[in-house]
Amino acid sequence: MEAESFSPGYHPAFERGEVELHTIEPTVHEQSDLREFVGLVKRHAPLIALVTIATAVAAFAMSLSQQSVYESSTTLLYSPTSTAAGNPTDTATEMETISGIATSTSVLAPIAQRFGVSLQKLQQDVSVGVSSSSGSTSELLKISARAHHATSSASIANAVAASLASFRATREKSLLNSQITFMRQQLNTLSGKTDPSSVAAASDIRTQLVNLKASLATFSPDLTVLTPAMVPGAAISPKPTRNGAIGLIVGLVLGIMLGVLRDRLDRRTRSLEEVEAVYRAPLLGTVPFNRRSAPRAELLADFAGSDLLAHAYRTIRTNLSLFRLDKTKKSVIVVTSAVPSEGKSAVAANLAHALSVTGLKVLAVSADLHDPTLHDYFADRVPTAGAPMIPILQRSDVLRAQAAQQREPAGLVQVLAGDMSLAEGARSIALGPRERASGGSLALLANGSTFFDPAALFGSGHMRRFLQQAKQQYDVIVIDTPPLLANADASLLAQDADLVVVVARMHHLTRNQARRAMRVMSAAHLTPTGIIVTGAVDDSSYGYGYPHRYGSGSGSEEQSGEAASGQPARSGA
């Protein structure tokens, strides 16, 4: 038996001063950047994982397909001879000159011919670096060579070093020979002259000539190999493991960027805060996700038990009871949504059922005359005349066959047209023994027939008179209306309502659709009383513990449409 009683204008917490109205005022909680980032990664985890793995595999595969490159280096010591000695600045300038000579045609052309490679390719594969020795005129020259074979890289590096040293030695010797030749020519011009100046000049030239010949006889090159190039043990490129790791990082960043882009392009509501912010109304509760594809009649909660669906609607019912309304006033609750397939009909059916088990006389009215579905949720609870009442929640083919044999029941159109009275059109919905113990009752005014122009019907005085008559017989009237953006029916019906409940389906409703629906209500001077969210809700992020506690989980966009209806999406669901 239900322990709590419901009155639209009363709740015991108000009398005790424990609850005030502002406790359910709309609030918008600012999420931290980290939580938003984690939520984005979770939403787009498959995309991010796919891009990350694909990029890493592509980088690894491309590395394996590339030809190996080996690099070997040799080090030369530059020690200026007396003919080339100078200050450190001159030495640095000389090293720049030597670096340029090392990659010149004169040095590399013989090597290119020897190894069978083009001169241009060899110039690209050979590099020269200089390392200065502080406080010394000596310099270190490092020559590196790259090749597709390990032995070739070492051979080329050594060949370039030898060619450069040979080129420098030949140049120095040529310079000494040129100076000796010049001195001899000068000495010949002074031959036979006996004047003191000519004799002194000839003597000086002979001394220089002796020194130059001595230098040529004891000549040593200014470049010597300090460390010869060795055959490398491993290739410097490609490195599949390193490139795969880099590809993994790049793919992760790229995947997150694509996730952000996809998230920006996707306008669907992703959080409860977004829905509250757009509708500017408090959250009354969330309807848990149902993975089963079941008939609508099986999506009516069993309030005699403690299943997940019943808990969700008990929470919604309790939140509705916190509004300060006149407890003696009968209430009309309009249930609507922005677009089709958000689960408003299921919410209307379960909300009416939840109120009836608290001792209230409730009437559920199907006012969605374009695509009525409310009657489907009570298909197994309308007993056949003269037949024993079927136990609550028993789903049998016999019961459905009996219901099919009955004539089409009366609906709202027939009552408004005056073809029958409300008492004749409303059908009593069977409640279980524990549900009936509260003293409440539930009636249904609905059928599957459509009407071509409901707005004209609702805009007349017939609907207002009908509601006045219904309030005399029932405590609460729950009206299932069409979506706000589908037509003007919901706006017309809400004019005479006490509470306007908006149903929003997570991961289905877009922010633009919600804003348009809000503009429609504002134009009609309507303010939503509260929001009921259907579909998959990430309870771990928002603190709504029921779905997690009872293990309902969450699902895809297509699955979340069954949260309230249990059927494939229809415009009236």
Protein backbone atom coordinates (compact mmCIF):
# COMPACT_ATOMS: atom_id res chain seq x y z
CA MET A 1 0.00 0.00 0.00
CA GLU A 2 1.21 3.45 -0.77
CA ALA A 3 2.38 5.21 2.37
CA GLU A 4 2.09 8.76 1.03
CA SER A 5 -0.97 10.71 0.00
CA PHE A 6 -1.04 13.37 -2.68
CA SER A 7 -2.88 16.63 -2.91
CA PRO A 8 -2.01 19.14 -5.63
CA GLY A 9 -1.89 21.92 -3.08
CA TYR A 10 -0.57 20.21 0.01
CA HIS A 11 2.46 18.36 1.24
CA PRO A 12 3.20 17.55 4.91
CA ALA A 13 6.69 18.96 4.58
CA PHE A 14 5.22 22.43 4.10
CA GLU A 15 3.32 22.20 7.40
CA ARG A 16 6.48 21.18 9.23
CA GLY A 17 8.44 23.98 7.57
CA GLU A 18 10.98 21.52 6.21
CA VAL A 19 10.46 22.31 2.54
CA GLU A 20 10.10 25.63 0.81
CA LEU A 21 9.10 26.37 -2.73
CA HIS A 22 12.54 27.54 -3.77
CA THR A 23 13.92 24.03 -3.23
CA ILE A 24 12.69 23.08 -6.69
CA GLU A 25 13.41 26.33 -8.44
CA PRO A 26 15.35 25.84 -11.68
CA THR A 27 19.07 25.76 -11.15
CA VAL A 28 21.88 25.59 -13.67
CA HIS A 29 25.04 24.01 -12.32
CA GLU A 30 28.25 25.02 -14.03
CA GLN A 31 30.25 21.93 -14.85
CA SER A 32 33.98 22.00 -14.48
CA ASP A 33 36.12 21.93 -17.59
CA LEU A 34 37.44 18.51 -16.60
CA ARG A 35 33.94 17.04 -16.27
CA GLU A 36 32.93 18.48 -19.63
CA PHE A 37 36.07 17.04 -21.21
CA VAL A 38 35.48 13.62 -19.68
CA GLY A 39 31.86 13.70 -20.83
CA LEU A 40 32.94 14.61 -24.36
CA VAL A 41 35.46 11.76 -24.44
CA LYS A 42 32.85 9.30 -23.19
CA ARG A 43 30.30 10.41 -25.78
CA HIS A 44 32.75 10.12 -28.67
CA ALA A 45 34.89 7.27 -27.31
CA PRO A 46 34.36 5.00 -30.37
CA LEU A 47 35.36 7.77 -32.78
CA ILE A 48 38.38 8.79 -30.73
CA ALA A 49 39.52 5.17 -30.34
CA LEU A 50 39.08 4.49 -34.06
CA VAL A 51 41.04 7.58 -35.14
CA THR A 52 43.77 6.93 -32.56
CA ILE A 53 44.29 3.30 -33.54
CA ALA A 54 44.05 4.02 -37.27
CA THR A 55 46.65 6.78 -37.06
CA ALA A 56 49.04 4.67 -34.99
CA VAL A 57 48.68 1.67 -37.33
CA ALA A 58 49.15 3.89 -40.39
CA ALA A 59 52.31 5.45 -38.94
CA PHE A 60 53.68 2.03 -38.00
CA ALA A 61 52.86 0.53 -41.42
CA MET A 62 54.37 3.47 -43.31
CA SER A 63 57.56 3.14 -41.24
CA LEU A 64 57.84 -0.54 -42.09
CA SER A 65 57.37 0.19 -45.79
CA GLN A 66 60.21 2.73 -45.88
CA GLN A 67 63.78 1.75 -46.77
CA SER A 68 66.25 1.73 -43.90
CA VAL A 69 68.71 4.62 -43.63
CA TYR A 70 72.08 4.28 -41.86
CA GLU A 71 74.38 7.07 -40.74
CA SER A 72 78.09 6.95 -39.94
CA SER A 73 80.45 9.74 -38.94
CA THR A 74 84.17 10.42 -38.93
CA THR A 75 86.02 13.15 -37.01
CA LEU A 76 88.94 15.17 -38.39
CA LEU A 77 91.34 17.38 -36.45
CA TYR A 78 92.28 20.71 -38.00
CA SER A 79 95.74 21.94 -36.97
CA PRO A 80 96.94 24.98 -38.99
CA THR A 81 100.49 24.76 -40.33
CA SER A 82 102.89 27.66 -40.33
CA THR A 83 101.76 28.65 -43.79
CA ALA A 84 98.15 28.84 -42.68
CA ALA A 85 98.51 29.85 -39.07
CA GLY A 86 96.58 32.81 -37.81
CA ASN A 87 94.53 34.09 -35.00
CA PRO A 88 91.39 32.27 -33.72
CA THR A 89 89.18 34.42 -35.91
CA ASP A 90 91.13 33.36 -38.96
CA THR A 91 90.86 29.76 -37.80
CA ALA A 92 87.06 29.99 -37.54
CA THR A 93 86.91 31.55 -40.97
CA GLU A 94 89.13 28.80 -42.31
CA MET A 95 86.82 26.16 -40.80
CA GLU A 96 83.84 27.66 -42.56
CA THR A 97 85.83 27.50 -45.78
CA ILE A 98 86.76 23.87 -45.16
CA SER A 99 83.10 22.98 -44.39
CA GLY A 100 82.09 24.42 -47.74
CA ILE A 101 84.92 22.62 -49.54
CA ALA A 102 83.85 19.27 -47.97
CA THR A 103 80.55 19.31 -49.92
CA SER A 104 81.96 20.88 -53.05
CA THR A 105 82.10 19.23 -56.43
CA SER A 106 85.89 18.99 -56.29
CA VAL A 107 85.74 16.77 -53.19
CA LEU A 108 82.52 14.77 -53.81
CA ALA A 109 82.65 14.20 -57.59
CA PRO A 110 85.23 11.37 -57.42
CA ILE A 111 83.33 9.73 -54.55
CA ALA A 112 80.00 9.95 -56.41
CA GLN A 113 81.60 8.26 -59.39
CA ARG A 114 83.18 5.63 -57.19
CA PHE A 115 79.97 4.65 -55.39
CA GLY A 116 77.66 5.08 -58.37
CA VAL A 117 75.43 7.79 -56.97
CA SER A 118 74.53 11.19 -58.31
CA LEU A 119 76.48 14.20 -57.10
CA GLN A 120 73.27 15.96 -56.01
CA LYS A 121 72.15 12.95 -53.96
CA LEU A 122 75.57 12.66 -52.33
CA GLN A 123 75.56 16.34 -51.41
CA GLN A 124 72.20 15.78 -49.66
CA ASP A 125 73.46 12.70 -47.78
CA VAL A 126 76.73 14.27 -46.56
CA SER A 127 76.75 16.80 -43.72
CA VAL A 128 79.63 18.63 -42.04
CA GLY A 129 79.78 20.00 -38.51
CA VAL A 130 82.40 22.00 -36.63
CA SER A 131 83.25 21.68 -32.93
CA SER A 132 85.52 24.42 -31.49
CA SER A 133 88.07 23.81 -28.78
CA SER A 134 88.09 26.63 -26.25
CA GLY A 135 91.46 28.36 -25.91
CA SER A 136 93.00 26.44 -28.81
CA THR A 137 93.49 27.05 -32.50
CA SER A 138 92.61 23.42 -33.21
CA GLU A 139 89.14 22.54 -34.44
CA LEU A 140 87.21 19.31 -34.82
CA LEU A 141 85.43 18.63 -38.07
CA LYS A 142 82.69 15.97 -38.11
CA ILE A 143 81.68 14.48 -41.45
CA SER A 144 78.49 12.34 -41.51
CA ALA A 145 77.17 10.30 -44.39
CA ARG A 146 73.84 8.54 -44.85
CA ALA A 147 73.14 5.52 -47.03
CA HIS A 148 70.66 2.68 -47.35
CA HIS A 149 73.38 0.19 -46.35
CA ALA A 150 75.41 0.30 -43.16
CA THR A 151 78.76 -0.42 -44.82
CA SER A 152 78.11 2.17 -47.51
CA SER A 153 77.50 4.93 -44.96
CA ALA A 154 80.83 4.23 -43.23
CA SER A 155 82.71 3.93 -46.53
CA ILE A 156 81.29 7.17 -47.88
CA ALA A 157 82.09 9.08 -44.65
CA ASN A 158 85.69 7.82 -44.67
CA ALA A 159 86.03 8.53 -48.40
CA VAL A 160 84.81 12.10 -47.99
CA ALA A 161 87.25 12.65 -45.10
CA ALA A 162 90.15 11.25 -47.12
CA SER A 163 89.16 13.25 -50.21
CA LEU A 164 88.91 16.47 -48.18
CA ALA A 165 92.27 15.89 -46.46
CA SER A 166 93.87 15.06 -49.81
CA PHE A 167 92.36 18.14 -51.40
CA ARG A 168 93.69 20.33 -48.60
CA ALA A 169 97.18 18.73 -48.74
CA THR A 170 97.40 19.10 -52.49
CA ARG A 171 96.35 22.73 -52.21
CA GLU A 172 98.98 23.47 -49.51
CA LYS A 173 101.75 21.74 -51.49
CA SER A 174 100.73 23.61 -54.61
CA LEU A 175 100.96 26.86 -52.67
CA LEU A 176 104.48 26.03 -51.40
CA ASN A 177 105.65 25.07 -54.92
CA SER A 178 104.25 28.34 -56.28
CA GLN A 179 106.15 30.30 -53.64
CA ILE A 180 109.41 28.42 -54.40
CA THR A 181 109.02 29.10 -58.10
CA PHE A 182 108.39 32.77 -57.41
CA MET A 183 111.49 33.03 -55.19
CA ARG A 184 113.64 31.41 -57.82
CA GLN A 185 112.41 33.90 -60.40
CA GLN A 186 113.25 36.78 -58.06
CA LEU A 187 116.69 35.33 -57.40
CA ASN A 188 117.37 35.04 -61.14
CA THR A 189 116.56 38.74 -61.64
CA LEU A 190 119.20 39.66 -59.03
CA SER A 191 121.85 37.38 -60.45
CA GLY A 192 125.05 39.30 -61.56
CA LYS A 193 124.24 42.46 -59.60
CA THR A 194 126.97 43.53 -57.18
CA ASP A 195 125.48 46.60 -55.56
CA PRO A 196 125.00 46.20 -51.80
CA SER A 197 121.19 46.34 -51.92
CA SER A 198 120.94 43.68 -54.60
CA VAL A 199 123.36 41.45 -52.73
CA ALA A 200 121.35 41.85 -49.51
CA ALA A 201 118.06 41.11 -51.31
CA ALA A 202 119.50 38.03 -52.99
CA SER A 203 120.71 36.78 -49.62
CA ASP A 204 117.26 37.25 -48.07
CA ILE A 205 115.57 35.44 -50.97
CA ARG A 206 117.99 32.53 -50.65
CA THR A 207 117.11 32.22 -46.96
CA GLN A 208 113.32 32.18 -47.72
CA LEU A 209 113.86 29.68 -50.50
CA VAL A 210 115.72 27.35 -48.13
CA ASN A 211 112.83 27.63 -45.60
CA LEU A 212 110.19 26.94 -48.24
CA LYS A 213 112.06 23.86 -49.48
CA ALA A 214 112.38 22.66 -45.90
CA SER A 215 108.62 23.16 -45.34
CA LEU A 216 107.86 21.22 -48.52
CA ALA A 217 110.23 18.43 -47.48
CA THR A 218 108.66 18.19 -44.00
CA PHE A 219 105.08 18.95 -45.10
CA SER A 220 102.23 17.60 -42.92
CA PRO A 221 98.53 18.11 -43.80
CA ASP A 222 96.40 20.41 -41.58
CA LEU A 223 93.54 17.85 -41.57
CA THR A 224 94.06 14.46 -39.99
CA VAL A 225 91.52 11.72 -39.27
CA LEU A 226 90.98 11.57 -35.53
CA THR A 227 88.18 8.96 -35.47
CA PRO A 228 87.38 6.94 -38.56
CA ALA A 229 83.76 6.09 -39.43
CA MET A 230 82.51 2.74 -38.15
CA VAL A 231 79.79 0.55 -39.60
CA PRO A 232 76.57 1.47 -37.68
CA GLY A 233 74.76 -1.31 -35.89
CA ALA A 234 71.25 0.05 -36.40
CA ALA A 235 69.40 2.28 -38.81
CA ILE A 236 68.56 5.82 -37.81
CA SER A 237 65.28 5.60 -39.74
CA PRO A 238 62.64 4.48 -39.98
CA LYS A 239 61.77 3.67 -36.36
CA PRO A 240 58.39 1.88 -36.44
CA THR A 241 57.97 1.71 -32.68
CA ARG A 242 58.73 5.39 -32.16
CA ASN A 243 56.63 6.44 -35.14
CA GLY A 244 53.78 4.23 -33.96
CA ALA A 245 53.90 5.88 -30.52
CA ILE A 246 53.95 9.32 -32.12
CA GLY A 247 51.07 8.27 -34.36
CA LEU A 248 49.17 7.12 -31.28
CA ILE A 249 49.56 10.53 -29.63
CA VAL A 250 48.75 12.41 -32.84
CA GLY A 251 45.75 10.15 -33.44
CA LEU A 252 44.48 10.75 -29.90
CA VAL A 253 44.73 14.51 -30.33
CA LEU A 254 43.12 14.30 -33.77
CA GLY A 255 40.36 12.06 -32.44
CA ILE A 256 39.59 14.47 -29.61
CA MET A 257 39.54 17.38 -32.08
CA LEU A 258 37.11 15.48 -34.31
CA GLY A 259 35.05 14.66 -31.22
CA VAL A 260 34.92 18.35 -30.29
CA LEU A 261 33.92 19.25 -33.85
CA ARG A 262 31.27 16.56 -33.91
CA ASP A 263 30.01 17.70 -30.52
CA ARG A 264 29.74 21.29 -31.73
CA LEU A 265 27.82 20.22 -34.83
CA ASP A 266 25.51 17.97 -32.81
CA ARG A 267 22.80 20.17 -31.31
CA ARG A 268 21.11 17.44 -29.26
CA THR A 269 20.75 17.95 -25.52
CA ARG A 270 23.43 16.09 -23.60
CA SER A 271 22.84 17.02 -19.98
CA LEU A 272 20.03 17.72 -17.55
CA GLU A 273 21.43 21.20 -17.01
CA GLU A 274 21.01 22.02 -20.69
CA VAL A 275 17.34 21.05 -20.60
CA GLU A 276 16.72 23.04 -17.41
CA ALA A 277 18.51 26.07 -18.81
CA VAL A 278 16.55 26.13 -22.07
CA TYR A 279 13.12 25.51 -20.56
CA ARG A 280 13.87 27.63 -17.47
CA ALA A 281 11.97 25.15 -15.32
CA PRO A 282 12.91 22.69 -12.55
CA LEU A 283 13.57 19.03 -13.18
CA LEU A 284 10.76 16.91 -11.77
CA GLY A 285 12.52 13.62 -12.42
CA THR A 286 14.05 11.26 -14.93
CA VAL A 287 12.43 8.21 -16.48
CA PRO A 288 14.85 5.26 -16.58
CA PHE A 289 15.92 3.55 -19.73
CA ASN A 290 14.26 0.28 -20.78
CA ARG A 291 16.23 -1.99 -23.07
CA ARG A 292 13.29 -4.21 -23.98
CA SER A 293 11.21 -3.74 -27.08
CA ALA A 294 7.88 -4.39 -25.42
CA PRO A 295 4.24 -3.46 -26.10
CA ARG A 296 3.19 -0.13 -24.65
CA ALA A 297 0.91 -1.84 -22.13
CA GLU A 298 3.94 -3.39 -20.46
CA LEU A 299 5.49 0.05 -19.93
CA LEU A 300 2.88 0.97 -17.32
CA ALA A 301 4.60 0.96 -13.91
CA ASP A 302 3.61 -1.47 -11.17
CA PHE A 303 3.18 0.72 -8.12
CA ALA A 304 2.45 -2.32 -5.95
CA GLY A 305 6.14 -3.22 -6.26
CA SER A 306 9.50 -1.49 -6.19
CA ASP A 307 10.65 -1.70 -9.77
CA LEU A 308 12.76 1.04 -11.34
CA LEU A 309 9.93 2.59 -13.36
CA ALA A 310 7.68 2.89 -10.31
CA HIS A 311 10.46 4.56 -8.30
CA ALA A 312 11.00 7.10 -11.06
CA TYR A 313 7.35 8.13 -11.18
CA ARG A 314 7.06 8.20 -7.39
CA THR A 315 9.86 10.77 -7.43
CA ILE A 316 8.06 12.80 -10.10
CA ARG A 317 4.79 12.60 -8.17
CA THR A 318 6.47 13.76 -4.95
CA ASN A 319 8.15 16.70 -6.69
CA LEU A 320 4.81 17.76 -8.15
CA SER A 321 3.29 17.70 -4.68
CA LEU A 322 5.79 20.31 -3.46
CA PHE A 323 4.12 23.12 -5.40
CA ARG A 324 2.02 25.50 -3.30
CA LEU A 325 -1.43 25.15 -4.79
CA ASP A 326 -4.81 25.41 -3.15
CA LYS A 327 -5.39 21.97 -1.68
CA THR A 328 -9.13 22.27 -2.20
CA LYS A 329 -8.76 23.05 -5.90
CA LYS A 330 -9.05 20.33 -8.49
CA SER A 331 -6.04 20.26 -10.84
CA VAL A 332 -5.60 19.92 -14.58
CA ILE A 333 -2.16 18.69 -15.65
CA VAL A 334 -1.17 19.06 -19.31
CA VAL A 335 1.65 16.80 -20.49
CA THR A 336 3.39 17.86 -23.71
CA SER A 337 6.78 17.88 -25.43
CA ALA A 338 8.61 19.90 -28.06
CA VAL A 339 8.72 17.25 -30.79
CA PRO A 340 7.34 13.74 -31.35
CA SER A 341 8.99 10.59 -29.96
CA GLU A 342 9.95 12.08 -26.60
CA GLY A 343 7.73 9.76 -24.52
CA LYS A 344 5.02 12.20 -23.42
CA SER A 345 2.15 9.68 -23.79
CA ALA A 346 3.96 7.17 -21.60
CA VAL A 347 4.63 9.89 -19.04
CA ALA A 348 0.96 10.95 -19.05
CA ALA A 349 -0.19 7.35 -18.55
CA ASN A 350 2.24 6.60 -15.74
CA LEU A 351 1.73 9.96 -14.05
CA ALA A 352 -2.05 9.43 -13.98
CA HIS A 353 -1.50 5.95 -12.61
CA ALA A 354 0.96 7.21 -9.98
CA LEU A 355 -1.52 9.84 -8.75
CA SER A 356 -4.41 7.40 -8.61
CA VAL A 357 -2.69 5.08 -6.12
CA THR A 358 -2.41 7.93 -3.58
CA GLY A 359 -6.15 8.06 -2.97
CA LEU A 360 -7.08 10.51 -5.73
CA LYS A 361 -9.73 10.18 -8.40
CA VAL A 362 -7.79 10.66 -11.63
CA LEU A 363 -8.96 11.00 -15.23
CA ALA A 364 -6.46 10.41 -18.05
CA VAL A 365 -7.51 12.16 -21.26
CA SER A 366 -6.02 11.57 -24.72
CA ALA A 367 -6.08 14.96 -26.45
CA ASP A 368 -3.49 14.07 -29.09
CA LEU A 369 -6.06 13.54 -31.82
CA HIS A 370 -3.49 13.52 -34.64
CA ASP A 371 -1.79 10.32 -33.48
CA PRO A 372 -3.39 9.00 -30.25
CA THR A 373 -1.47 6.36 -28.32
CA LEU A 374 -2.50 6.89 -24.68
CA HIS A 375 -5.09 4.10 -24.83
CA ASP A 376 -2.38 1.58 -25.76
CA TYR A 377 -0.80 1.86 -22.30
CA PHE A 378 -4.07 0.80 -20.62
CA ALA A 379 -4.98 -1.94 -23.12
CA ASP A 380 -4.58 -4.71 -20.51
CA ARG A 381 -6.32 -2.85 -17.68
CA VAL A 382 -9.81 -2.33 -19.13
CA PRO A 383 -11.90 -5.34 -17.96
CA THR A 384 -14.46 -6.81 -20.34
CA ALA A 385 -18.08 -6.37 -19.23
CA GLY A 386 -19.24 -9.42 -17.27
CA ALA A 387 -15.78 -10.94 -17.15
CA PRO A 388 -13.71 -11.32 -13.99
CA MET A 389 -10.98 -8.74 -13.53
CA ILE A 390 -7.61 -9.93 -14.77
CA PRO A 391 -4.80 -9.76 -12.19
CA ILE A 392 -2.72 -6.61 -12.41
CA LEU A 393 0.13 -6.64 -14.98
CA GLN A 394 -0.93 -10.04 -16.38
CA ARG A 395 -0.23 -9.88 -20.15
CA SER A 396 -2.24 -12.63 -21.89
CA ASP A 397 -3.38 -13.19 -25.44
CA VAL A 398 -6.87 -14.00 -24.14
CA LEU A 399 -7.24 -10.55 -22.62
CA ARG A 400 -6.10 -8.85 -25.83
CA ALA A 401 -8.55 -10.93 -27.85
CA GLN A 402 -11.37 -9.90 -25.53
CA ALA A 403 -10.42 -6.25 -25.85
CA ALA A 404 -10.33 -6.54 -29.63
CA GLN A 405 -13.87 -7.90 -29.71
CA GLN A 406 -15.23 -4.82 -27.92
CA ARG A 407 -16.51 -1.97 -30.00
CA GLU A 408 -14.34 1.10 -30.42
CA PRO A 409 -14.63 2.99 -27.11
CA ALA A 410 -15.66 6.61 -26.89
CA GLY A 411 -13.03 9.32 -26.70
CA LEU A 412 -12.72 13.05 -26.15
CA VAL A 413 -14.26 13.94 -29.53
CA GLN A 414 -17.49 12.05 -28.82
CA VAL A 415 -17.83 13.66 -25.37
CA LEU A 416 -17.16 17.18 -26.66
CA ALA A 417 -19.60 16.60 -29.52
CA GLY A 418 -22.32 15.66 -27.03
CA ASP A 419 -22.76 12.13 -28.36
CA MET A 420 -22.36 10.84 -24.82
CA SER A 421 -21.65 12.15 -21.36
CA LEU A 422 -18.32 12.05 -19.58
CA ALA A 423 -19.60 9.33 -17.28
CA GLU A 424 -20.52 7.21 -20.31
CA GLY A 425 -17.28 7.84 -22.21
CA ALA A 426 -14.77 7.43 -19.37
CA ARG A 427 -13.67 3.84 -18.82
CA SER A 428 -12.56 2.60 -15.42
CA ILE A 429 -9.00 1.32 -15.29
CA ALA A 430 -8.44 -1.73 -13.12
CA LEU A 431 -6.11 -1.27 -10.16
CA GLY A 432 -4.52 -4.04 -8.17
CA PRO A 433 -5.59 -4.92 -4.61
CA ARG A 434 -2.72 -3.00 -3.01
CA GLU A 435 -3.27 -0.04 -5.35
CA ARG A 436 -7.03 0.06 -4.66
CA ALA A 437 -6.41 0.05 -0.91
CA SER A 438 -5.55 3.76 -1.05
CA GLY A 439 -9.13 4.53 -2.08
CA GLY A 440 -8.18 6.17 -5.36
CA SER A 441 -9.42 5.41 -8.86
CA LEU A 442 -8.28 5.85 -12.43
CA ALA A 443 -10.45 6.48 -15.48
CA LEU A 444 -9.50 6.80 -19.14
CA LEU A 445 -11.09 8.91 -21.85
CA ALA A 446 -9.29 7.82 -24.99
CA ASN A 447 -9.51 5.81 -28.18
CA GLY A 448 -7.51 5.33 -31.35
CA SER A 449 -9.58 7.56 -33.64
CA THR A 450 -8.20 10.81 -35.07
CA PHE A 451 -9.81 14.17 -35.77
CA PHE A 452 -9.08 16.44 -38.73
CA ASP A 453 -9.07 19.81 -36.88
CA PRO A 454 -8.59 19.47 -33.11
CA ALA A 455 -7.58 23.14 -32.69
CA ALA A 456 -11.07 24.31 -33.70
CA LEU A 457 -12.54 21.87 -31.21
CA PHE A 458 -10.23 22.86 -28.35
CA GLY A 459 -10.55 26.58 -29.06
CA SER A 460 -14.29 26.53 -28.56
CA GLY A 461 -16.09 26.70 -25.25
CA HIS A 462 -16.80 22.96 -25.32
CA MET A 463 -13.38 22.07 -23.95
CA ARG A 464 -13.61 24.54 -21.10
CA ARG A 465 -17.04 23.24 -20.12
CA PHE A 466 -15.72 19.70 -20.33
CA LEU A 467 -12.89 20.51 -17.90
CA GLN A 468 -15.28 22.19 -15.49
CA GLN A 469 -17.49 19.10 -15.56
CA ALA A 470 -14.47 16.78 -15.14
CA LYS A 471 -13.28 18.72 -12.09
CA GLN A 472 -16.63 18.03 -10.43
CA GLN A 473 -16.08 14.28 -10.76
CA TYR A 474 -12.29 13.92 -10.49
CA ASP A 475 -9.51 15.33 -8.34
CA VAL A 476 -6.87 15.42 -11.07
CA ILE A 477 -7.21 15.43 -14.87
CA VAL A 478 -4.07 14.44 -16.77
CA ILE A 479 -4.21 15.45 -20.45
CA ASP A 480 -1.89 14.00 -23.08
CA THR A 481 -1.44 16.66 -25.79
CA PRO A 482 0.37 16.82 -29.15
CA PRO A 483 3.94 18.18 -29.35
CA LEU A 484 4.27 21.95 -29.13
CA LEU A 485 6.05 22.30 -32.46
CA ALA A 486 3.63 20.00 -34.30
CA ASN A 487 0.54 22.20 -33.94
CA ALA A 488 -1.19 24.67 -31.61
CA ASP A 489 -3.31 22.10 -29.75
CA ALA A 490 -1.06 21.91 -26.68
CA SER A 491 -0.93 25.71 -26.33
CA LEU A 492 -4.73 25.90 -26.45
CA LEU A 493 -5.23 23.14 -23.90
CA ALA A 494 -2.60 24.57 -21.54
CA GLN A 495 -4.54 27.83 -21.23
CA ASP A 496 -6.95 26.12 -18.81
CA ALA A 497 -4.37 23.93 -17.08
CA ASP A 498 -3.00 24.31 -13.58
CA LEU A 499 0.25 22.52 -14.30
CA VAL A 500 2.17 22.24 -17.59
CA VAL A 501 4.65 19.38 -17.64
CA VAL A 502 7.16 19.26 -20.52
CA VAL A 503 8.75 15.94 -21.47
CA ALA A 504 12.26 16.08 -22.96
CA ARG A 505 14.06 13.08 -24.40
CA MET A 506 17.80 13.15 -23.81
CA HIS A 507 20.04 12.67 -26.86
CA HIS A 508 17.01 13.25 -29.12
CA LEU A 509 15.74 16.75 -28.47
CA THR A 510 17.98 19.46 -29.91
CA ARG A 511 18.66 22.76 -28.20
CA ASN A 512 17.12 24.64 -31.13
CA GLN A 513 13.92 22.60 -30.89
CA ALA A 514 13.71 23.26 -27.16
CA ARG A 515 14.21 27.00 -27.70
CA ARG A 516 11.50 27.06 -30.38
CA ALA A 517 9.13 25.22 -28.04
CA MET A 518 9.92 27.74 -25.31
CA ARG A 519 9.16 30.60 -27.70
CA VAL A 520 5.82 28.95 -28.55
CA MET A 521 4.91 28.78 -24.86
CA SER A 522 6.07 32.33 -24.24
CA ALA A 523 3.92 33.58 -27.12
CA ALA A 524 0.94 31.84 -25.52
CA HIS A 525 1.89 33.29 -22.08
CA LEU A 526 2.63 29.83 -20.71
CA THR A 527 5.29 28.86 -18.21
CA PRO A 528 6.25 25.20 -17.82
CA THR A 529 5.77 23.88 -14.32
CA GLY A 530 8.55 21.34 -14.61
CA ILE A 531 10.46 19.00 -16.86
CA ILE A 532 10.52 15.21 -17.02
CA VAL A 533 13.55 13.81 -18.84
CA THR A 534 13.25 10.49 -20.64
CA GLY A 535 15.87 8.35 -22.28
CA ALA A 536 19.47 7.61 -21.37
CA VAL A 537 20.77 9.76 -18.52
CA ASP A 538 24.35 9.63 -17.23
CA ASP A 539 23.49 9.38 -13.54
CA SER A 540 27.15 9.17 -12.49
CA SER A 541 27.65 12.71 -13.75
CA TYR A 542 24.55 14.30 -12.32
CA GLY A 543 23.86 12.46 -9.09
CA TYR A 544 20.47 10.99 -9.92
CA GLY A 545 21.02 7.63 -8.34
CA TYR A 546 18.01 5.56 -9.29
CA PRO A 547 19.16 4.38 -12.72
CA HIS A 548 22.53 3.32 -11.32
CA ARG A 549 21.10 1.79 -8.18
CA TYR A 550 18.65 -0.39 -10.01
CA GLY A 551 20.96 -1.23 -12.87
CA SER A 552 19.07 0.17 -15.82
CA GLY A 553 22.18 1.57 -17.49
CA SER A 554 22.02 3.71 -20.58
CA GLY A 555 21.87 3.07 -24.26
CA SER A 556 22.07 4.49 -27.71
CA GLU A 557 19.92 7.22 -29.18
CA GLU A 558 17.66 4.71 -30.88
CA GLN A 559 17.28 2.67 -27.71
CA SER A 560 16.57 5.64 -25.50
CA GLY A 561 13.38 6.29 -27.42
CA GLU A 562 11.94 3.17 -25.79
CA ALA A 563 12.48 4.53 -22.31
CA ALA A 564 8.92 5.75 -22.10
CA SER A 565 7.10 3.88 -24.83
CA GLY A 566 8.84 0.58 -25.28
CA GLN A 567 8.00 0.79 -28.97
CA PRO A 568 9.69 2.07 -32.10
CA ALA A 569 9.42 5.85 -32.27
CA ARG A 570 6.05 7.22 -33.36
CA SER A 571 4.85 10.75 -33.48
CA GLY A 572 2.44 10.20 -30.65
CA ALA A 573 4.74 8.34 -28.34
